[in-house]
Protein backbone atom coordinates (compact mmCIF):
# COMPACT_ATOMS: atom_id res chain seq x y z
CA GLU A 1 -40.30 -130.15 -101.30
CA SER A 2 -37.99 -133.16 -101.78
CA VAL A 3 -34.90 -131.84 -102.83
CA THR A 4 -31.40 -133.23 -103.42
CA ALA A 5 -28.81 -132.55 -100.49
CA GLY A 6 -26.62 -129.60 -101.65
CA THR A 7 -26.10 -125.79 -100.86
CA TYR A 8 -29.23 -123.56 -102.12
CA VAL A 9 -29.31 -120.01 -102.06
CA ILE A 10 -32.70 -118.28 -101.17
CA THR A 11 -33.03 -115.17 -102.63
CA GLU A 12 -36.07 -112.52 -101.66
CA SER A 13 -36.24 -111.19 -105.26
CA ASN A 14 -39.27 -109.03 -105.56
CA ILE A 15 -39.76 -107.26 -102.32
CA PRO A 16 -42.59 -104.65 -102.62
CA ASP A 17 -42.75 -101.00 -102.14
CA GLY A 18 -42.97 -100.59 -97.79
CA TRP A 19 -41.62 -103.52 -97.20
CA SER A 20 -38.16 -104.11 -96.29
CA LEU A 21 -36.59 -108.15 -94.49
CA ALA A 22 -35.91 -108.08 -90.94
CA ASN A 23 -35.23 -111.66 -90.40
CA VAL A 24 -34.28 -114.64 -92.22
CA ALA A 25 -33.52 -118.13 -90.41
CA CYS A 26 -33.77 -121.86 -91.18
CA THR A 27 -34.10 -124.79 -88.95
CA GLY A 28 -32.99 -128.33 -89.44
CA ASN A 29 -30.93 -131.26 -87.83
CA SER A 30 -27.60 -129.62 -88.47
CA VAL A 31 -28.43 -126.57 -90.77
CA ALA A 32 -26.16 -124.46 -92.07
CA THR A 33 -26.41 -120.98 -93.12
CA THR A 34 -25.37 -117.86 -94.96
CA THR A 35 -26.81 -114.97 -95.02
CA GLY A 36 -26.91 -111.96 -98.07
CA ALA A 37 -28.68 -109.19 -98.81
CA ASN A 38 -32.41 -109.92 -98.68
CA SER A 39 -31.01 -114.08 -99.01
CA ILE A 40 -30.02 -116.94 -97.02
CA SER A 41 -27.58 -119.75 -98.27
CA VAL A 42 -28.35 -122.74 -96.89
CA VAL A 43 -26.50 -126.28 -96.70
CA VAL A 44 -28.93 -129.20 -96.71
CA SER A 45 -27.71 -132.14 -95.59
CA PRO A 46 -28.83 -135.85 -96.38
CA ASN A 47 -32.18 -136.56 -94.24
CA GLU A 48 -32.65 -133.13 -93.29
CA ALA A 49 -36.02 -131.54 -92.81
CA VAL A 50 -35.18 -127.91 -93.05
CA GLU A 51 -37.68 -125.10 -93.04
CA CYS A 52 -36.12 -121.39 -93.68
CA THR A 53 -38.99 -118.68 -92.96
CA PHE A 54 -38.25 -115.19 -93.85
CA ASP A 55 -39.70 -112.27 -91.93
CA ASN A 56 -40.42 -109.02 -93.16
CA SER A 57 -41.92 -105.69 -91.79
CA ALA A 58 -43.81 -102.88 -93.94
CA SER A 59 -42.82 -99.02 -93.54
CA ALA A 60 -44.99 -96.02 -94.50
CA THR A 61 -44.82 -92.27 -92.78
CA LEU A 62 -46.95 -90.66 -90.44
CA LYS A 63 -47.12 -87.06 -90.00
CA ILE A 64 -49.45 -85.39 -87.22
CA THR A 65 -50.37 -81.32 -88.16
CA LYS A 66 -52.01 -78.83 -85.87
CA ASP A 67 -54.45 -76.17 -87.65
CA THR A 68 -55.92 -73.54 -85.46
CA SER A 69 -56.01 -71.24 -88.53
CA ALA A 70 -59.85 -71.07 -88.56
CA ALA A 71 -59.59 -69.75 -85.37
CA GLY A 72 -57.22 -67.08 -85.51
CA PHE A 73 -55.47 -67.83 -82.12
CA GLY A 74 -52.45 -70.16 -81.73
CA ASP A 75 -52.06 -72.22 -78.08
CA LYS A 76 -50.05 -75.28 -77.23
CA PHE A 77 -51.47 -78.38 -77.66
CA GLY A 78 -50.30 -81.96 -76.14
CA PHE A 79 -50.67 -85.10 -77.72
CA THR A 80 -50.28 -88.77 -77.26
CA VAL A 81 -49.63 -91.58 -79.79
CA SER A 82 -49.84 -95.22 -79.23
CA GLY A 83 -48.70 -98.08 -81.86
CA SER A 84 -45.53 -99.53 -82.87
CA SER A 85 -43.52 -96.64 -83.47
CA ALA A 86 -44.89 -94.18 -81.55
CA THR A 87 -41.51 -93.28 -79.93
CA ALA A 88 -41.03 -91.74 -82.95
CA PHE A 89 -42.65 -88.92 -82.28
CA GLY A 90 -41.18 -88.49 -78.83
CA THR A 91 -40.76 -90.48 -75.29
CA SER A 92 -43.79 -92.20 -74.58
CA GLY A 93 -45.00 -91.32 -77.88
CA GLU A 94 -45.65 -87.82 -76.63
CA PHE A 95 -44.97 -84.14 -77.75
CA THR A 96 -46.35 -80.63 -78.06
CA LEU A 97 -47.46 -78.33 -80.92
CA ASP A 98 -47.26 -75.02 -80.87
CA THR A 99 -49.77 -73.19 -83.19
CA ALA A 100 -48.16 -69.35 -81.63
CA THR A 101 -46.57 -69.31 -84.87
CA PRO A 102 -47.46 -67.55 -88.52
CA GLY A 103 -50.41 -69.42 -90.25
CA PHE A 104 -51.37 -70.49 -86.79
CA VAL A 105 -50.45 -74.27 -88.10
CA ARG A 106 -47.28 -76.50 -86.65
CA MET A 107 -46.59 -80.19 -87.75
CA THR A 108 -44.32 -82.79 -86.79
CA GLY A 109 -41.72 -84.05 -89.06
CA THR A 110 -42.66 -86.72 -91.83
CA GLU A 111 -41.91 -89.56 -89.38
CA SER A 112 -40.59 -93.28 -90.54
CA VAL A 113 -43.51 -95.88 -88.97
CA THR A 114 -43.77 -99.67 -88.94
CA ALA A 115 -47.13 -100.08 -90.61
CA GLY A 116 -50.15 -100.54 -88.31
CA THR A 117 -52.61 -99.04 -86.54
CA TYR A 118 -51.90 -95.98 -84.42
CA ILE A 119 -53.86 -93.89 -82.38
CA ILE A 120 -53.40 -90.24 -81.86
CA THR A 121 -54.70 -88.57 -79.01
CA GLU A 122 -54.91 -84.56 -78.44
CA GLY A 123 -55.11 -83.63 -74.62
CA ASN A 124 -57.17 -81.09 -73.33
CA THR A 125 -56.38 -77.36 -73.63
CA PRO A 126 -58.63 -75.11 -71.85
CA GLY A 127 -60.56 -72.55 -74.43
CA TRP A 128 -60.58 -75.07 -76.87
CA SER A 129 -62.33 -78.05 -78.41
CA LEU A 130 -61.45 -80.55 -81.75
CA ALA A 131 -64.17 -78.94 -84.51
CA ASN A 132 -62.48 -81.82 -87.13
CA VAL A 133 -59.95 -84.50 -87.42
CA ALA A 134 -59.13 -86.07 -90.68
CA CYS A 135 -56.49 -88.53 -92.25
CA THR A 136 -55.19 -88.43 -95.97
CA GLY A 137 -53.22 -91.08 -97.20
CA ASN A 138 -52.95 -93.79 -100.43
CA SER A 139 -55.98 -95.78 -98.78
CA VAL A 140 -55.94 -95.14 -95.25
CA SER A 141 -58.79 -96.06 -92.79
CA ALA A 142 -59.34 -94.02 -89.98
CA THR A 143 -62.19 -94.41 -87.06
CA THR A 144 -62.51 -91.26 -84.67
CA GLY A 145 -62.91 -91.20 -81.20
CA ALA A 146 -63.68 -88.45 -78.52
CA ASN A 147 -60.21 -86.02 -78.79
CA SER A 148 -58.37 -89.36 -80.51
CA ILE A 149 -58.00 -90.66 -84.58
CA SER A 150 -57.35 -94.33 -85.00
CA VAL A 151 -55.72 -94.47 -88.20
CA VAL A 152 -54.47 -98.06 -89.92
CA VAL A 153 -51.28 -97.06 -92.17
CA SER A 154 -50.24 -99.39 -94.46
CA PRO A 155 -47.54 -100.59 -95.94
CA ASN A 156 -45.57 -97.57 -98.23
CA GLU A 157 -48.35 -95.49 -97.16
CA ALA A 158 -47.55 -91.62 -96.88
CA VAL A 159 -50.34 -90.70 -93.84
CA GLU A 160 -50.86 -87.13 -92.75
CA CYS A 161 -53.77 -86.47 -89.88
CA THR A 162 -54.71 -83.17 -89.17
CA PHE A 163 -56.35 -81.63 -86.18
CA ASP A 164 -58.35 -78.78 -86.64
CA ASN A 165 -59.44 -76.75 -83.55
CA SER A 166 -61.78 -74.00 -82.60
CA ALA A 167 -61.62 -71.71 -79.74
CA SER A 168 -64.18 -71.07 -76.83
CA ALA A 169 -64.56 -68.37 -74.64
CA THR A 170 -67.33 -65.91 -72.70
CA LEU A 171 -68.26 -62.68 -73.34
CA LYS A 172 -71.09 -60.20 -71.52
CA ILE A 173 -72.16 -57.00 -71.92
CA THR A 174 -73.37 -54.25 -68.64
CA LYS A 175 -75.12 -51.27 -69.00
CA ASP A 176 -74.30 -49.13 -66.30
CA THR A 177 -76.72 -45.92 -65.42
CA SER A 178 -76.17 -46.14 -61.97
CA ALA A 179 -73.76 -42.69 -61.69
CA ALA A 180 -76.66 -40.53 -63.29
CA GLY A 181 -79.06 -42.12 -61.13
CA PHE A 182 -81.82 -42.28 -63.97
CA GLY A 183 -82.57 -45.11 -65.83
CA ASP A 184 -83.29 -46.10 -69.81
CA LYS A 185 -84.15 -47.99 -72.71
CA PHE A 186 -80.64 -48.79 -74.43
CA GLY A 187 -80.26 -50.59 -77.97
CA PHE A 188 -77.60 -52.73 -78.47
CA THR A 189 -75.76 -54.62 -81.44
CA VAL A 190 -72.74 -57.28 -81.87
CA SER A 191 -70.90 -58.16 -84.94
CA GLY A 192 -68.92 -61.03 -84.60
CA SER A 193 -68.94 -65.00 -85.40
CA SER A 194 -71.37 -65.34 -82.60
CA ALA A 195 -73.28 -62.39 -82.53
CA THR A 196 -76.44 -63.90 -82.54
CA ALA A 197 -75.85 -65.22 -79.10
CA PHE A 198 -77.05 -61.88 -78.10
CA GLY A 199 -79.99 -61.86 -79.99
CA THR A 200 -81.30 -62.11 -83.76
CA SER A 201 -78.77 -60.06 -85.82
CA GLY A 202 -76.95 -59.59 -82.64
CA GLU A 203 -79.13 -56.59 -81.40
CA PHE A 204 -80.83 -56.55 -77.85
CA THR A 205 -81.94 -53.65 -75.44
CA LEU A 206 -80.64 -53.34 -71.73
CA ASP A 207 -83.46 -51.38 -69.38
CA THR A 208 -81.44 -49.87 -66.81
CA ALA A 209 -85.14 -48.99 -65.26
CA THR A 210 -84.39 -51.01 -62.12
CA PRO A 211 -82.45 -51.35 -58.84
CA GLY A 212 -79.37 -49.76 -59.21
CA PHE A 213 -79.53 -48.62 -62.88
CA VAL A 214 -77.83 -51.87 -64.16
CA ARG A 215 -78.60 -54.16 -66.59
CA MET A 216 -76.65 -57.10 -68.33
CA THR A 217 -76.86 -59.84 -70.65
CA GLY A 218 -75.78 -63.08 -69.38
CA THR A 219 -72.63 -64.56 -69.65
CA GLU A 220 -72.69 -65.92 -73.44
CA SER A 221 -70.50 -68.72 -74.72
CA VAL A 222 -68.60 -67.45 -78.34
CA THR A 223 -66.29 -68.55 -80.37
CA ALA A 224 -63.26 -66.33 -79.78
CA GLY A 225 -62.45 -63.78 -82.07
CA THR A 226 -63.25 -60.03 -82.46
CA TYR A 227 -66.37 -58.71 -81.54
CA VAL A 228 -67.62 -54.78 -82.09
CA ILE A 229 -70.17 -53.86 -79.66
CA THR A 230 -71.82 -50.67 -80.38
CA GLU A 231 -74.23 -48.83 -78.35
CA SER A 232 -76.80 -48.36 -81.45
CA ASN A 233 -80.55 -46.30 -80.34
CA ILE A 234 -78.91 -43.97 -77.49
CA PRO A 235 -81.85 -42.51 -76.11
CA ASP A 236 -82.25 -38.86 -76.13
CA GLY A 237 -80.55 -36.86 -73.25
CA TRP A 238 -77.71 -39.32 -72.97
CA SER A 239 -74.35 -39.74 -74.09
CA LEU A 240 -71.75 -42.40 -73.82
CA ALA A 241 -69.49 -41.14 -71.12
CA ASN A 242 -66.91 -44.63 -70.95
CA VAL A 243 -66.69 -47.92 -72.53
CA ALA A 244 -64.00 -50.87 -71.23
CA CYS A 245 -63.56 -54.35 -71.31
CA THR A 246 -62.02 -56.67 -68.44
CA GLY A 247 -60.75 -59.84 -69.43
CA ASN A 248 -57.77 -62.02 -68.82
CA SER A 249 -55.81 -60.51 -71.91
CA VAL A 250 -58.24 -58.25 -73.71
CA ALA A 251 -57.21 -55.93 -76.09
CA THR A 252 -59.93 -53.50 -77.06
CA THR A 253 -60.40 -50.49 -79.57
CA THR A 254 -63.28 -47.59 -78.89
CA GLY A 255 -65.16 -46.03 -82.01
CA ALA A 256 -67.78 -43.73 -81.60
CA ASN A 257 -70.53 -45.26 -79.16
CA SER A 258 -68.65 -48.66 -79.58
CA ILE A 259 -65.82 -51.25 -78.67
CA SER A 260 -63.61 -53.48 -80.86
CA VAL A 261 -62.84 -56.51 -78.38
CA VAL A 262 -60.44 -59.23 -79.29
CA VAL A 263 -61.64 -62.08 -76.85
CA SER A 264 -58.88 -64.98 -76.26
CA PRO A 265 -59.67 -68.46 -76.43
CA ASN A 266 -60.86 -69.29 -72.74
CA GLU A 267 -61.08 -65.85 -71.91
CA ALA A 268 -64.52 -64.60 -69.73
CA VAL A 269 -64.74 -60.87 -70.97
CA GLU A 270 -67.24 -58.12 -69.48
CA CYS A 271 -67.78 -54.90 -71.62
CA THR A 272 -69.34 -52.20 -69.28
CA PHE A 273 -71.00 -49.46 -71.26
CA ASP A 274 -71.55 -46.03 -68.52
CA ASN A 275 -73.82 -43.54 -70.06
CA SER A 276 -74.37 -39.85 -68.53
CA ALA A 277 -77.92 -37.90 -69.11
CA SER A 278 -78.05 -34.83 -70.16
CA ALA A 279 -80.89 -31.86 -70.05
CA THR A 280 -81.22 -28.07 -69.57
CA LEU A 281 -82.03 -25.65 -67.10
CA LYS A 282 -83.19 -22.31 -67.23
CA ILE A 283 -83.78 -19.55 -64.50
CA THR A 284 -86.05 -16.69 -64.56
CA LYS A 285 -86.62 -13.51 -62.32
CA ASP A 286 -89.60 -11.89 -62.88
CA THR A 287 -91.07 -8.74 -61.36
CA SER A 288 -93.07 -7.77 -63.97
CA ALA A 289 -96.23 -7.47 -61.88
CA ALA A 290 -94.24 -5.24 -59.48
CA GLY A 291 -93.66 -2.99 -62.20
CA PHE A 292 -90.20 -2.12 -60.46
CA GLY A 293 -86.64 -4.37 -60.95
CA ASP A 294 -83.62 -4.70 -58.92
CA LYS A 295 -81.01 -7.01 -58.48
CA PHE A 296 -81.17 -10.31 -57.31
CA GLY A 297 -78.73 -13.05 -56.29
CA PHE A 298 -78.87 -16.42 -56.83
CA THR A 299 -77.02 -19.99 -56.00
CA VAL A 300 -77.43 -23.00 -57.45
CA SER A 301 -75.91 -26.37 -56.12
CA GLY A 302 -75.93 -29.80 -58.02
CA SER A 303 -73.51 -31.54 -60.39
CA SER A 304 -73.25 -28.60 -63.19
CA ALA A 305 -73.99 -25.97 -61.00
CA THR A 306 -71.11 -24.37 -62.19
CA ALA A 307 -72.62 -23.74 -65.55
CA PHE A 308 -74.40 -20.68 -63.82
CA GLY A 309 -71.40 -19.36 -62.50
CA THR A 310 -68.22 -19.56 -60.09
CA SER A 311 -69.47 -21.89 -57.49
CA GLY A 312 -73.37 -21.83 -58.57
CA GLU A 313 -73.68 -18.23 -57.94
CA PHE A 314 -74.88 -15.54 -60.48
CA THR A 315 -77.45 -12.00 -60.16
CA LEU A 316 -80.13 -11.43 -62.37
CA ASP A 317 -81.03 -7.59 -62.50
CA THR A 318 -84.83 -7.27 -63.63
CA ALA A 319 -84.23 -3.24 -64.16
CA THR A 320 -84.63 -3.97 -67.79
CA PRO A 321 -87.67 -3.25 -70.39
CA GLY A 322 -90.16 -5.77 -68.96
CA PHE A 323 -88.58 -6.47 -65.52
CA VAL A 324 -87.51 -9.83 -66.52
CA ARG A 325 -84.32 -11.58 -67.12
CA MET A 326 -83.15 -14.79 -67.28
CA THR A 327 -80.00 -16.85 -67.17
CA GLY A 328 -79.32 -18.91 -70.43
CA THR A 329 -80.58 -22.16 -71.51
CA GLU A 330 -77.62 -23.84 -69.58
CA SER A 331 -76.63 -27.96 -70.63
CA VAL A 332 -76.53 -29.73 -67.17
CA THR A 333 -76.08 -33.46 -66.51
CA ALA A 334 -79.32 -34.86 -65.29
CA GLY A 335 -80.40 -34.57 -61.53
CA THR A 336 -81.45 -32.92 -58.12
CA TYR A 337 -80.82 -29.02 -58.35
CA ILE A 338 -81.52 -26.60 -55.50
CA ILE A 339 -81.55 -22.99 -56.50
CA THR A 340 -81.97 -20.60 -53.81
CA GLU A 341 -82.60 -16.75 -54.55
């Protein structure tokens, strides 16, 4: 514009929310300027061509939230932010959020940032995978990538980006009847978030009538959480002798023919059900054909021999009506017994 020489005060008088004056400067032949709040005072001398430039920066807020509440576990998660105000979150834009706190949620502060594009990347934590990431704001625009989100933070926006993770682990169930020396078919039921990995409705059968009398499921990938494993169909003659689980930091609670196991993220848990086999054994002495009775000593050897007496030794006296005498029907563990008269 053509103007008469003189002093002019130029004021940026209506700055939109989210914007601030970063710099103002004038150029010209022998220009003299004085800056004030959002303004500049410039002396335009005769024959000068003066240009005054107002540079503005746009501000907003950005908050990053880590949520593992759906998994029911907490862990430490590393993040990296890139963008003009990345260092608001830490050196080189790197920081850690630890959700091992009440509620399994942890967040950064609401950081003041210059408007622009920010890429937020979640590092790899063993046993965890990114289930969802989303950002909220006035008119937020975001694009998701592998473990990351690229978000455009517009001036005066208050943006929050939340990373939701699911936790994974493995679970294996083993049936062991090797101590009994026999095999059979045993039904199981698993309840928990990934129960169907083991079969429809979490039900399956393990048949130990194989070499070694041991049968196991595959090592199934499951979401971390609590699983109840029940030996739901125990064949006649069998009882659960012991059940135990192994794993990194596994916690278990046993119940009637079952175990409740907490499978934590990245754990490899194996639960083994040991069964003993039971039967009955009865020993009869018959001298009725001879028509006489007497006292006869016996010795039993085998796993339940003492059911018949100390060291498995006892006496049957047939000097009774009928010339027949027998032991009681004794409960014994299945196996081989030698009975010697």
